[in-house]
mmCIF file of all heavy atoms, coordinates in Angstrom:
data_MODEL
# 
_entry.id   MODEL 
# 
loop_
_atom_site.group_PDB 
_atom_site.id 
_atom_site.type_symbol 
_atom_site.label_atom_id 
_atom_site.label_alt_id 
_atom_site.label_comp_id 
_atom_site.label_asym_id 
_atom_site.label_entity_id 
_atom_site.label_seq_id 
_atom_site.pdbx_PDB_ins_code 
_atom_site.Cartn_x 
_atom_site.Cartn_y 
_atom_site.Cartn_z 
_atom_site.occupancy 
_atom_site.B_iso_or_equiv 
_atom_site.pdbx_formal_charge 
_atom_site.auth_seq_id 
_atom_site.auth_comp_id 
_atom_site.auth_asym_id 
_atom_site.auth_atom_id 
_atom_site.pdbx_PDB_model_num 
ATOM 1   N N   . LEU A 1 1  ? -5.742  98.657  -12.047 1.00 0.00 ? 1  LEU A N   1 
ATOM 2   C CA  . LEU A 1 1  ? -4.870  97.591  -12.560 1.00 0.00 ? 1  LEU A CA  1 
ATOM 3   C C   . LEU A 1 1  ? -5.562  96.279  -12.728 1.00 0.00 ? 1  LEU A C   1 
ATOM 4   O O   . LEU A 1 1  ? -5.191  95.260  -12.178 1.00 0.00 ? 1  LEU A O   1 
ATOM 5   C CB  . LEU A 1 1  ? -3.670  97.416  -11.561 1.00 0.00 ? 1  LEU A CB  1 
ATOM 6   C CG  . LEU A 1 1  ? -3.962  97.598  -10.070 1.00 0.00 ? 1  LEU A CG  1 
ATOM 7   C CD1 . LEU A 1 1  ? -4.216  96.258  -9.382  1.00 0.00 ? 1  LEU A CD1 1 
ATOM 8   C CD2 . LEU A 1 1  ? -2.813  98.334  -9.407  1.00 0.00 ? 1  LEU A CD2 1 
ATOM 9   N N   . PRO A 1 2  ? -6.620  96.247  -13.563 1.00 0.00 ? 2  PRO A N   1 
ATOM 10  C CA  . PRO A 1 2  ? -7.334  95.001  -13.827 1.00 0.00 ? 2  PRO A CA  1 
ATOM 11  C C   . PRO A 1 2  ? -6.490  93.980  -14.548 1.00 0.00 ? 2  PRO A C   1 
ATOM 12  O O   . PRO A 1 2  ? -6.797  92.784  -14.503 1.00 0.00 ? 2  PRO A O   1 
ATOM 13  C CB  . PRO A 1 2  ? -8.547  95.443  -14.645 1.00 0.00 ? 2  PRO A CB  1 
ATOM 14  C CG  . PRO A 1 2  ? -8.055  96.663  -15.353 1.00 0.00 ? 2  PRO A CG  1 
ATOM 15  C CD  . PRO A 1 2  ? -7.180  97.370  -14.364 1.00 0.00 ? 2  PRO A CD  1 
ATOM 16  N N   . TYR A 1 3  ? -5.471  94.473  -15.281 1.00 0.00 ? 3  TYR A N   1 
ATOM 17  C CA  . TYR A 1 3  ? -4.616  93.567  -16.014 1.00 0.00 ? 3  TYR A CA  1 
ATOM 18  C C   . TYR A 1 3  ? -3.217  93.489  -15.448 1.00 0.00 ? 3  TYR A C   1 
ATOM 19  O O   . TYR A 1 3  ? -2.256  93.128  -16.138 1.00 0.00 ? 3  TYR A O   1 
ATOM 20  C CB  . TYR A 1 3  ? -4.534  94.032  -17.490 1.00 0.00 ? 3  TYR A CB  1 
ATOM 21  C CG  . TYR A 1 3  ? -5.802  93.933  -18.270 1.00 0.00 ? 3  TYR A CG  1 
ATOM 22  C CD1 . TYR A 1 3  ? -6.674  94.988  -18.356 1.00 0.00 ? 3  TYR A CD1 1 
ATOM 23  C CD2 . TYR A 1 3  ? -6.138  92.739  -18.942 1.00 0.00 ? 3  TYR A CD2 1 
ATOM 24  C CE1 . TYR A 1 3  ? -7.840  94.883  -19.098 1.00 0.00 ? 3  TYR A CE1 1 
ATOM 25  C CE2 . TYR A 1 3  ? -7.323  92.620  -19.649 1.00 0.00 ? 3  TYR A CE2 1 
ATOM 26  C CZ  . TYR A 1 3  ? -8.170  93.711  -19.725 1.00 0.00 ? 3  TYR A CZ  1 
ATOM 27  O OH  . TYR A 1 3  ? -9.345  93.606  -20.461 1.00 0.00 ? 3  TYR A OH  1 
ATOM 28  N N   . GLY A 1 4  ? -3.084  93.819  -14.157 1.00 0.00 ? 4  GLY A N   1 
ATOM 29  C CA  . GLY A 1 4  ? -1.754  93.851  -13.565 1.00 0.00 ? 4  GLY A CA  1 
ATOM 30  C C   . GLY A 1 4  ? -1.063  95.148  -13.891 1.00 0.00 ? 4  GLY A C   1 
ATOM 31  O O   . GLY A 1 4  ? -1.659  96.130  -14.285 1.00 0.00 ? 4  GLY A O   1 
ATOM 32  N N   . GLY A 1 5  ? 0.258   95.165  -13.719 1.00 0.00 ? 5  GLY A N   1 
ATOM 33  C CA  . GLY A 1 5  ? 1.021   96.390  -13.947 1.00 0.00 ? 5  GLY A CA  1 
ATOM 34  C C   . GLY A 1 5  ? 2.477   96.092  -14.144 1.00 0.00 ? 5  GLY A C   1 
ATOM 35  O O   . GLY A 1 5  ? 2.983   94.985  -13.887 1.00 0.00 ? 5  GLY A O   1 
ATOM 36  N N   . GLY A 1 6  ? 3.211   97.115  -14.565 1.00 0.00 ? 6  GLY A N   1 
ATOM 37  C CA  . GLY A 1 6  ? 4.656   96.971  -14.749 1.00 0.00 ? 6  GLY A CA  1 
ATOM 38  C C   . GLY A 1 6  ? 5.021   95.957  -15.846 1.00 0.00 ? 6  GLY A C   1 
ATOM 39  O O   . GLY A 1 6  ? 4.296   95.797  -16.850 1.00 0.00 ? 6  GLY A O   1 
ATOM 40  N N   . LYS A 1 7  ? 6.076   95.194  -15.634 1.00 0.00 ? 7  LYS A N   1 
ATOM 41  C CA  . LYS A 1 7  ? 6.528   94.166  -16.604 1.00 0.00 ? 7  LYS A CA  1 
ATOM 42  C C   . LYS A 1 7  ? 5.475   93.066  -16.790 1.00 0.00 ? 7  LYS A C   1 
ATOM 43  O O   . LYS A 1 7  ? 5.501   92.402  -17.808 1.00 0.00 ? 7  LYS A O   1 
ATOM 44  C CB  . LYS A 1 7  ? 7.847   93.557  -16.157 1.00 0.00 ? 7  LYS A CB  1 
ATOM 45  C CG  . LYS A 1 7  ? 9.003   94.570  -16.170 1.00 0.00 ? 7  LYS A CG  1 
ATOM 46  C CD  . LYS A 1 7  ? 10.291  93.905  -15.786 1.00 0.00 ? 7  LYS A CD  1 
ATOM 47  C CE  . LYS A 1 7  ? 11.439  94.861  -15.804 1.00 0.00 ? 7  LYS A CE  1 
ATOM 48  N NZ  . LYS A 1 7  ? 12.707  94.189  -15.390 1.00 0.00 ? 7  LYS A NZ  1 
ATOM 49  N N   . HIS A 1 8  ? 4.606   92.868  -15.801 1.00 0.00 ? 8  HIS A N   1 
ATOM 50  C CA  . HIS A 1 8  ? 3.644   91.773  -15.858 1.00 0.00 ? 8  HIS A CA  1 
ATOM 51  C C   . HIS A 1 8  ? 2.285   92.238  -16.388 1.00 0.00 ? 8  HIS A C   1 
ATOM 52  O O   . HIS A 1 8  ? 1.331   91.498  -16.320 1.00 0.00 ? 8  HIS A O   1 
ATOM 53  C CB  . HIS A 1 8  ? 3.482   91.165  -14.504 1.00 0.00 ? 8  HIS A CB  1 
ATOM 54  C CG  . HIS A 1 8  ? 4.728   90.502  -13.980 1.00 0.00 ? 8  HIS A CG  1 
ATOM 55  N ND1 . HIS A 1 8  ? 5.158   89.276  -14.400 1.00 0.00 ? 8  HIS A ND1 1 
ATOM 56  C CD2 . HIS A 1 8  ? 5.681   90.964  -13.104 1.00 0.00 ? 8  HIS A CD2 1 
ATOM 57  C CE1 . HIS A 1 8  ? 6.294   88.954  -13.770 1.00 0.00 ? 8  HIS A CE1 1 
ATOM 58  N NE2 . HIS A 1 8  ? 6.624   89.964  -13.000 1.00 0.00 ? 8  HIS A NE2 1 
ATOM 59  N N   . HIS A 1 9  ? 2.200   93.474  -16.866 1.00 0.00 ? 9  HIS A N   1 
ATOM 60  C CA  . HIS A 1 9  ? 0.945   93.952  -17.417 1.00 0.00 ? 9  HIS A CA  1 
ATOM 61  C C   . HIS A 1 9  ? 0.591   93.134  -18.669 1.00 0.00 ? 9  HIS A C   1 
ATOM 62  O O   . HIS A 1 9  ? 1.441   92.849  -19.520 1.00 0.00 ? 9  HIS A O   1 
ATOM 63  C CB  . HIS A 1 9  ? 1.077   95.418  -17.813 1.00 0.00 ? 9  HIS A CB  1 
ATOM 64  C CG  . HIS A 1 9  ? -0.186  96.050  -18.308 1.00 0.00 ? 9  HIS A CG  1 
ATOM 65  N ND1 . HIS A 1 9  ? -0.503  96.124  -19.642 1.00 0.00 ? 9  HIS A ND1 1 
ATOM 66  C CD2 . HIS A 1 9  ? -1.218  96.619  -17.663 1.00 0.00 ? 9  HIS A CD2 1 
ATOM 67  C CE1 . HIS A 1 9  ? -1.679  96.681  -19.778 1.00 0.00 ? 9  HIS A CE1 1 
ATOM 68  N NE2 . HIS A 1 9  ? -2.135  97.022  -18.580 1.00 0.00 ? 9  HIS A NE2 1 
ATOM 69  N N   . CYS A 1 10 ? -0.664  92.710  -18.752 1.00 0.00 ? 10 CYS A N   1 
ATOM 70  C CA  . CYS A 1 10 ? -1.093  91.854  -19.836 1.00 0.00 ? 10 CYS A CA  1 
ATOM 71  C C   . CYS A 1 10 ? -0.932  92.549  -21.190 1.00 0.00 ? 10 CYS A C   1 
ATOM 72  O O   . CYS A 1 10 ? -1.416  93.651  -21.377 1.00 0.00 ? 10 CYS A O   1 
ATOM 73  C CB  . CYS A 1 10 ? -2.573  91.439  -19.629 1.00 0.00 ? 10 CYS A CB  1 
ATOM 74  S SG  . CYS A 1 10 ? -3.269  90.496  -20.987 1.00 0.00 ? 10 CYS A SG  1 
ATOM 75  N N   . ILE A 1 11 ? -0.267  91.879  -22.116 1.00 0.00 ? 11 ILE A N   1 
ATOM 76  C CA  . ILE A 1 11 ? -0.008  92.471  -23.415 1.00 0.00 ? 11 ILE A CA  1 
ATOM 77  C C   . ILE A 1 11 ? -1.289  92.603  -24.254 1.00 0.00 ? 11 ILE A C   1 
ATOM 78  O O   . ILE A 1 11 ? -1.339  93.369  -25.217 1.00 0.00 ? 11 ILE A O   1 
ATOM 79  C CB  . ILE A 1 11 ? 1.078   91.704  -24.213 1.00 0.00 ? 11 ILE A CB  1 
ATOM 80  C CG1 . ILE A 1 11 ? 0.608   90.268  -24.497 1.00 0.00 ? 11 ILE A CG1 1 
ATOM 81  C CG2 . ILE A 1 11 ? 2.368   91.719  -23.480 1.00 0.00 ? 11 ILE A CG2 1 
ATOM 82  C CD1 . ILE A 1 11 ? 1.515   89.510  -25.405 1.00 0.00 ? 11 ILE A CD1 1 
ATOM 83  N N   . GLY A 1 12 ? -2.315  91.855  -23.908 1.00 0.00 ? 12 GLY A N   1 
ATOM 84  C CA  . GLY A 1 12 ? -3.552  91.887  -24.628 1.00 0.00 ? 12 GLY A CA  1 
ATOM 85  C C   . GLY A 1 12 ? -4.600  92.775  -24.014 1.00 0.00 ? 12 GLY A C   1 
ATOM 86  O O   . GLY A 1 12 ? -5.776  92.725  -24.442 1.00 0.00 ? 12 GLY A O   1 
ATOM 87  N N   . ALA A 1 13 ? -4.243  93.606  -23.037 1.00 0.00 ? 13 ALA A N   1 
ATOM 88  C CA  . ALA A 1 13 ? -5.223  94.417  -22.307 1.00 0.00 ? 13 ALA A CA  1 
ATOM 89  C C   . ALA A 1 13 ? -5.988  95.366  -23.278 1.00 0.00 ? 13 ALA A C   1 
ATOM 90  O O   . ALA A 1 13 ? -7.204  95.426  -23.255 1.00 0.00 ? 13 ALA A O   1 
ATOM 91  C CB  . ALA A 1 13 ? -4.536  95.243  -21.232 1.00 0.00 ? 13 ALA A CB  1 
ATOM 92  N N   . GLY A 1 14 ? -5.262  96.098  -24.095 1.00 0.00 ? 14 GLY A N   1 
ATOM 93  C CA  . GLY A 1 14 ? -5.898  97.061  -25.027 1.00 0.00 ? 14 GLY A CA  1 
ATOM 94  C C   . GLY A 1 14 ? -6.805  96.325  -26.005 1.00 0.00 ? 14 GLY A C   1 
ATOM 95  O O   . GLY A 1 14 ? -7.926  96.827  -26.294 1.00 0.00 ? 14 GLY A O   1 
ATOM 96  N N   . TRP A 1 15 ? -6.364  95.194  -26.530 1.00 0.00 ? 15 TRP A N   1 
ATOM 97  C CA  . TRP A 1 15 ? -7.134  94.424  -27.482 1.00 0.00 ? 15 TRP A CA  1 
ATOM 98  C C   . TRP A 1 15 ? -8.445  93.950  -26.814 1.00 0.00 ? 15 TRP A C   1 
ATOM 99  O O   . TRP A 1 15 ? -9.517  94.016  -27.422 1.00 0.00 ? 15 TRP A O   1 
ATOM 100 C CB  . TRP A 1 15 ? -6.337  93.257  -27.985 1.00 0.00 ? 15 TRP A CB  1 
ATOM 101 C CG  . TRP A 1 15 ? -7.030  92.439  -29.053 1.00 0.00 ? 15 TRP A CG  1 
ATOM 102 C CD1 . TRP A 1 15 ? -7.038  92.635  -30.397 1.00 0.00 ? 15 TRP A CD1 1 
ATOM 103 C CD2 . TRP A 1 15 ? -7.904  91.311  -28.819 1.00 0.00 ? 15 TRP A CD2 1 
ATOM 104 N NE1 . TRP A 1 15 ? -7.798  91.715  -31.042 1.00 0.00 ? 15 TRP A NE1 1 
ATOM 105 C CE2 . TRP A 1 15 ? -8.338  90.893  -30.106 1.00 0.00 ? 15 TRP A CE2 1 
ATOM 106 C CE3 . TRP A 1 15 ? -8.295  90.638  -27.709 1.00 0.00 ? 15 TRP A CE3 1 
ATOM 107 C CZ2 . TRP A 1 15 ? -9.200  89.809  -30.276 1.00 0.00 ? 15 TRP A CZ2 1 
ATOM 108 C CZ3 . TRP A 1 15 ? -9.150  89.543  -27.860 1.00 0.00 ? 15 TRP A CZ3 1 
ATOM 109 C CH2 . TRP A 1 15 ? -9.595  89.152  -29.127 1.00 0.00 ? 15 TRP A CH2 1 
ATOM 110 N N   . SER A 1 16 ? -8.329  93.450  -25.605 1.00 0.00 ? 16 SER A N   1 
ATOM 111 C CA  . SER A 1 16 ? -9.513  92.924  -24.894 1.00 0.00 ? 16 SER A CA  1 
ATOM 112 C C   . SER A 1 16 ? -10.545 94.000  -24.692 1.00 0.00 ? 16 SER A C   1 
ATOM 113 O O   . SER A 1 16 ? -11.738 93.789  -24.887 1.00 0.00 ? 16 SER A O   1 
ATOM 114 C CB  . SER A 1 16 ? -9.047  92.333  -23.552 1.00 0.00 ? 16 SER A CB  1 
ATOM 115 O OG  . SER A 1 16 ? -10.162 91.824  -22.846 1.00 0.00 ? 16 SER A OG  1 
ATOM 116 N N   . VAL A 1 17 ? -10.106 95.173  -24.244 1.00 0.00 ? 17 VAL A N   1 
ATOM 117 C CA  . VAL A 1 17 ? -11.028 96.314  -24.046 1.00 0.00 ? 17 VAL A CA  1 
ATOM 118 C C   . VAL A 1 17 ? -11.670 96.737  -25.354 1.00 0.00 ? 17 VAL A C   1 
ATOM 119 O O   . VAL A 1 17 ? -12.892 96.947  -25.432 1.00 0.00 ? 17 VAL A O   1 
ATOM 120 C CB  . VAL A 1 17 ? -10.296 97.472  -23.360 1.00 0.00 ? 17 VAL A CB  1 
ATOM 121 C CG1 . VAL A 1 17 ? -11.191 98.714  -23.353 1.00 0.00 ? 17 VAL A CG1 1 
ATOM 122 C CG2 . VAL A 1 17 ? -9.863  97.137  -21.958 1.00 0.00 ? 17 VAL A CG2 1 
ATOM 123 N N   . GLN A 1 18 ? -10.843 96.841  -26.398 1.00 0.00 ? 18 GLN A N   1 
ATOM 124 C CA  . GLN A 1 18 ? -11.365 97.272  -27.687 1.00 0.00 ? 18 GLN A CA  1 
ATOM 125 C C   . GLN A 1 18 ? -12.376 96.289  -28.268 1.00 0.00 ? 18 GLN A C   1 
ATOM 126 O O   . GLN A 1 18 ? -13.456 96.678  -28.748 1.00 0.00 ? 18 GLN A O   1 
ATOM 127 C CB  . GLN A 1 18 ? -10.189 97.433  -28.692 1.00 0.00 ? 18 GLN A CB  1 
ATOM 128 C CG  . GLN A 1 18 ? -10.565 97.917  -30.074 1.00 0.00 ? 18 GLN A CG  1 
ATOM 129 C CD  . GLN A 1 18 ? -11.008 99.348  -30.123 1.00 0.00 ? 18 GLN A CD  1 
ATOM 130 O OE1 . GLN A 1 18 ? -10.755 100.114 -29.184 1.00 0.00 ? 18 GLN A OE1 1 
ATOM 131 N NE2 . GLN A 1 18 ? -11.711 99.737  -31.185 1.00 0.00 ? 18 GLN A NE2 1 
ATOM 132 N N   . MET A 1 19 ? -12.058 94.991  -28.199 1.00 0.00 ? 19 MET A N   1 
ATOM 133 C CA  . MET A 1 19 ? -12.957 93.991  -28.797 1.00 0.00 ? 19 MET A CA  1 
ATOM 134 C C   . MET A 1 19 ? -14.265 93.887  -28.022 1.00 0.00 ? 19 MET A C   1 
ATOM 135 O O   . MET A 1 19 ? -15.330 93.739  -28.614 1.00 0.00 ? 19 MET A O   1 
ATOM 136 C CB  . MET A 1 19 ? -12.244 92.617  -28.788 1.00 0.00 ? 19 MET A CB  1 
ATOM 137 C CG  . MET A 1 19 ? -11.192 92.435  -29.823 1.00 0.00 ? 19 MET A CG  1 
ATOM 138 S SD  . MET A 1 19 ? -11.843 92.538  -31.521 1.00 0.00 ? 19 MET A SD  1 
ATOM 139 C CE  . MET A 1 19 ? -11.383 94.217  -31.972 1.00 0.00 ? 19 MET A CE  1 
ATOM 140 N N   . THR A 1 20 ? -14.191 94.007  -26.701 1.00 0.00 ? 20 THR A N   1 
ATOM 141 C CA  . THR A 1 20 ? -15.423 93.953  -25.927 1.00 0.00 ? 20 THR A CA  1 
ATOM 142 C C   . THR A 1 20 ? -16.322 95.131  -26.217 1.00 0.00 ? 20 THR A C   1 
ATOM 143 O O   . THR A 1 20 ? -17.550 95.018  -26.363 1.00 0.00 ? 20 THR A O   1 
ATOM 144 C CB  . THR A 1 20 ? -15.115 93.877  -24.421 1.00 0.00 ? 20 THR A CB  1 
ATOM 145 O OG1 . THR A 1 20 ? -14.234 92.776  -24.139 1.00 0.00 ? 20 THR A OG1 1 
ATOM 146 C CG2 . THR A 1 20 ? -16.375 93.715  -23.605 1.00 0.00 ? 20 THR A CG2 1 
ATOM 147 N N   . GLY A 1 21 ? -15.679 96.327  -26.364 1.00 0.00 ? 21 GLY A N   1 
ATOM 148 C CA  . GLY A 1 21 ? -16.429 97.508  -26.750 1.00 0.00 ? 21 GLY A CA  1 
ATOM 149 C C   . GLY A 1 21 ? -17.118 97.348  -28.119 1.00 0.00 ? 21 GLY A C   1 
ATOM 150 O O   . GLY A 1 21 ? -18.254 97.724  -28.312 1.00 0.00 ? 21 GLY A O   1 
ATOM 151 N N   . GLN A 1 22 ? -16.396 96.678  -29.057 1.00 0.00 ? 22 GLN A N   1 
ATOM 152 C CA  . GLN A 1 22 ? -16.948 96.460  -30.393 1.00 0.00 ? 22 GLN A CA  1 
ATOM 153 C C   . GLN A 1 22 ? -18.129 95.473  -30.333 1.00 0.00 ? 22 GLN A C   1 
ATOM 154 O O   . GLN A 1 22 ? -19.111 95.601  -31.070 1.00 0.00 ? 22 GLN A O   1 
ATOM 155 C CB  . GLN A 1 22 ? -15.879 95.965  -31.339 1.00 0.00 ? 22 GLN A CB  1 
ATOM 156 C CG  . GLN A 1 22 ? -14.822 97.009  -31.711 1.00 0.00 ? 22 GLN A CG  1 
ATOM 157 C CD  . GLN A 1 22 ? -15.449 98.219  -32.418 1.00 0.00 ? 22 GLN A CD  1 
ATOM 158 O OE1 . GLN A 1 22 ? -16.354 98.090  -33.257 1.00 0.00 ? 22 GLN A OE1 1 
ATOM 159 N NE2 . GLN A 1 22 ? -14.999 99.427  -32.093 1.00 0.00 ? 22 GLN A NE2 1 
ATOM 160 N N   . LEU A 1 23 ? -18.017 94.476  -29.487 1.00 0.00 ? 23 LEU A N   1 
ATOM 161 C CA  . LEU A 1 23 ? -19.092 93.524  -29.321 1.00 0.00 ? 23 LEU A CA  1 
ATOM 162 C C   . LEU A 1 23 ? -20.364 94.174  -28.805 1.00 0.00 ? 23 LEU A C   1 
ATOM 163 O O   . LEU A 1 23 ? -21.484 93.904  -29.237 1.00 0.00 ? 23 LEU A O   1 
ATOM 164 C CB  . LEU A 1 23 ? -18.674 92.368  -28.381 1.00 0.00 ? 23 LEU A CB  1 
ATOM 165 C CG  . LEU A 1 23 ? -17.686 91.359  -28.993 1.00 0.00 ? 23 LEU A CG  1 
ATOM 166 C CD1 . LEU A 1 23 ? -17.168 90.426  -27.893 1.00 0.00 ? 23 LEU A CD1 1 
ATOM 167 C CD2 . LEU A 1 23 ? -18.333 90.524  -30.087 1.00 0.00 ? 23 LEU A CD2 1 
ATOM 168 N N   . VAL A 1 24 ? -20.177 95.104  -27.843 1.00 0.00 ? 24 VAL A N   1 
ATOM 169 C CA  . VAL A 1 24 ? -21.322 95.842  -27.329 1.00 0.00 ? 24 VAL A CA  1 
ATOM 170 C C   . VAL A 1 24 ? -21.946 96.709  -28.442 1.00 0.00 ? 24 VAL A C   1 
ATOM 171 O O   . VAL A 1 24 ? -23.155 96.826  -28.567 1.00 0.00 ? 24 VAL A O   1 
ATOM 172 C CB  . VAL A 1 24 ? -20.895 96.725  -26.128 1.00 0.00 ? 24 VAL A CB  1 
ATOM 173 C CG1 . VAL A 1 24 ? -22.026 97.641  -25.672 1.00 0.00 ? 24 VAL A CG1 1 
ATOM 174 C CG2 . VAL A 1 24 ? -20.425 95.827  -24.948 1.00 0.00 ? 24 VAL A CG2 1 
# 
């Protein structure tokens, strides 16, 4: 749960992981 969980889960979690992977 690096981005929290449930209703408070970060809405940008998937985007952040994807963009960082693309930068690498």
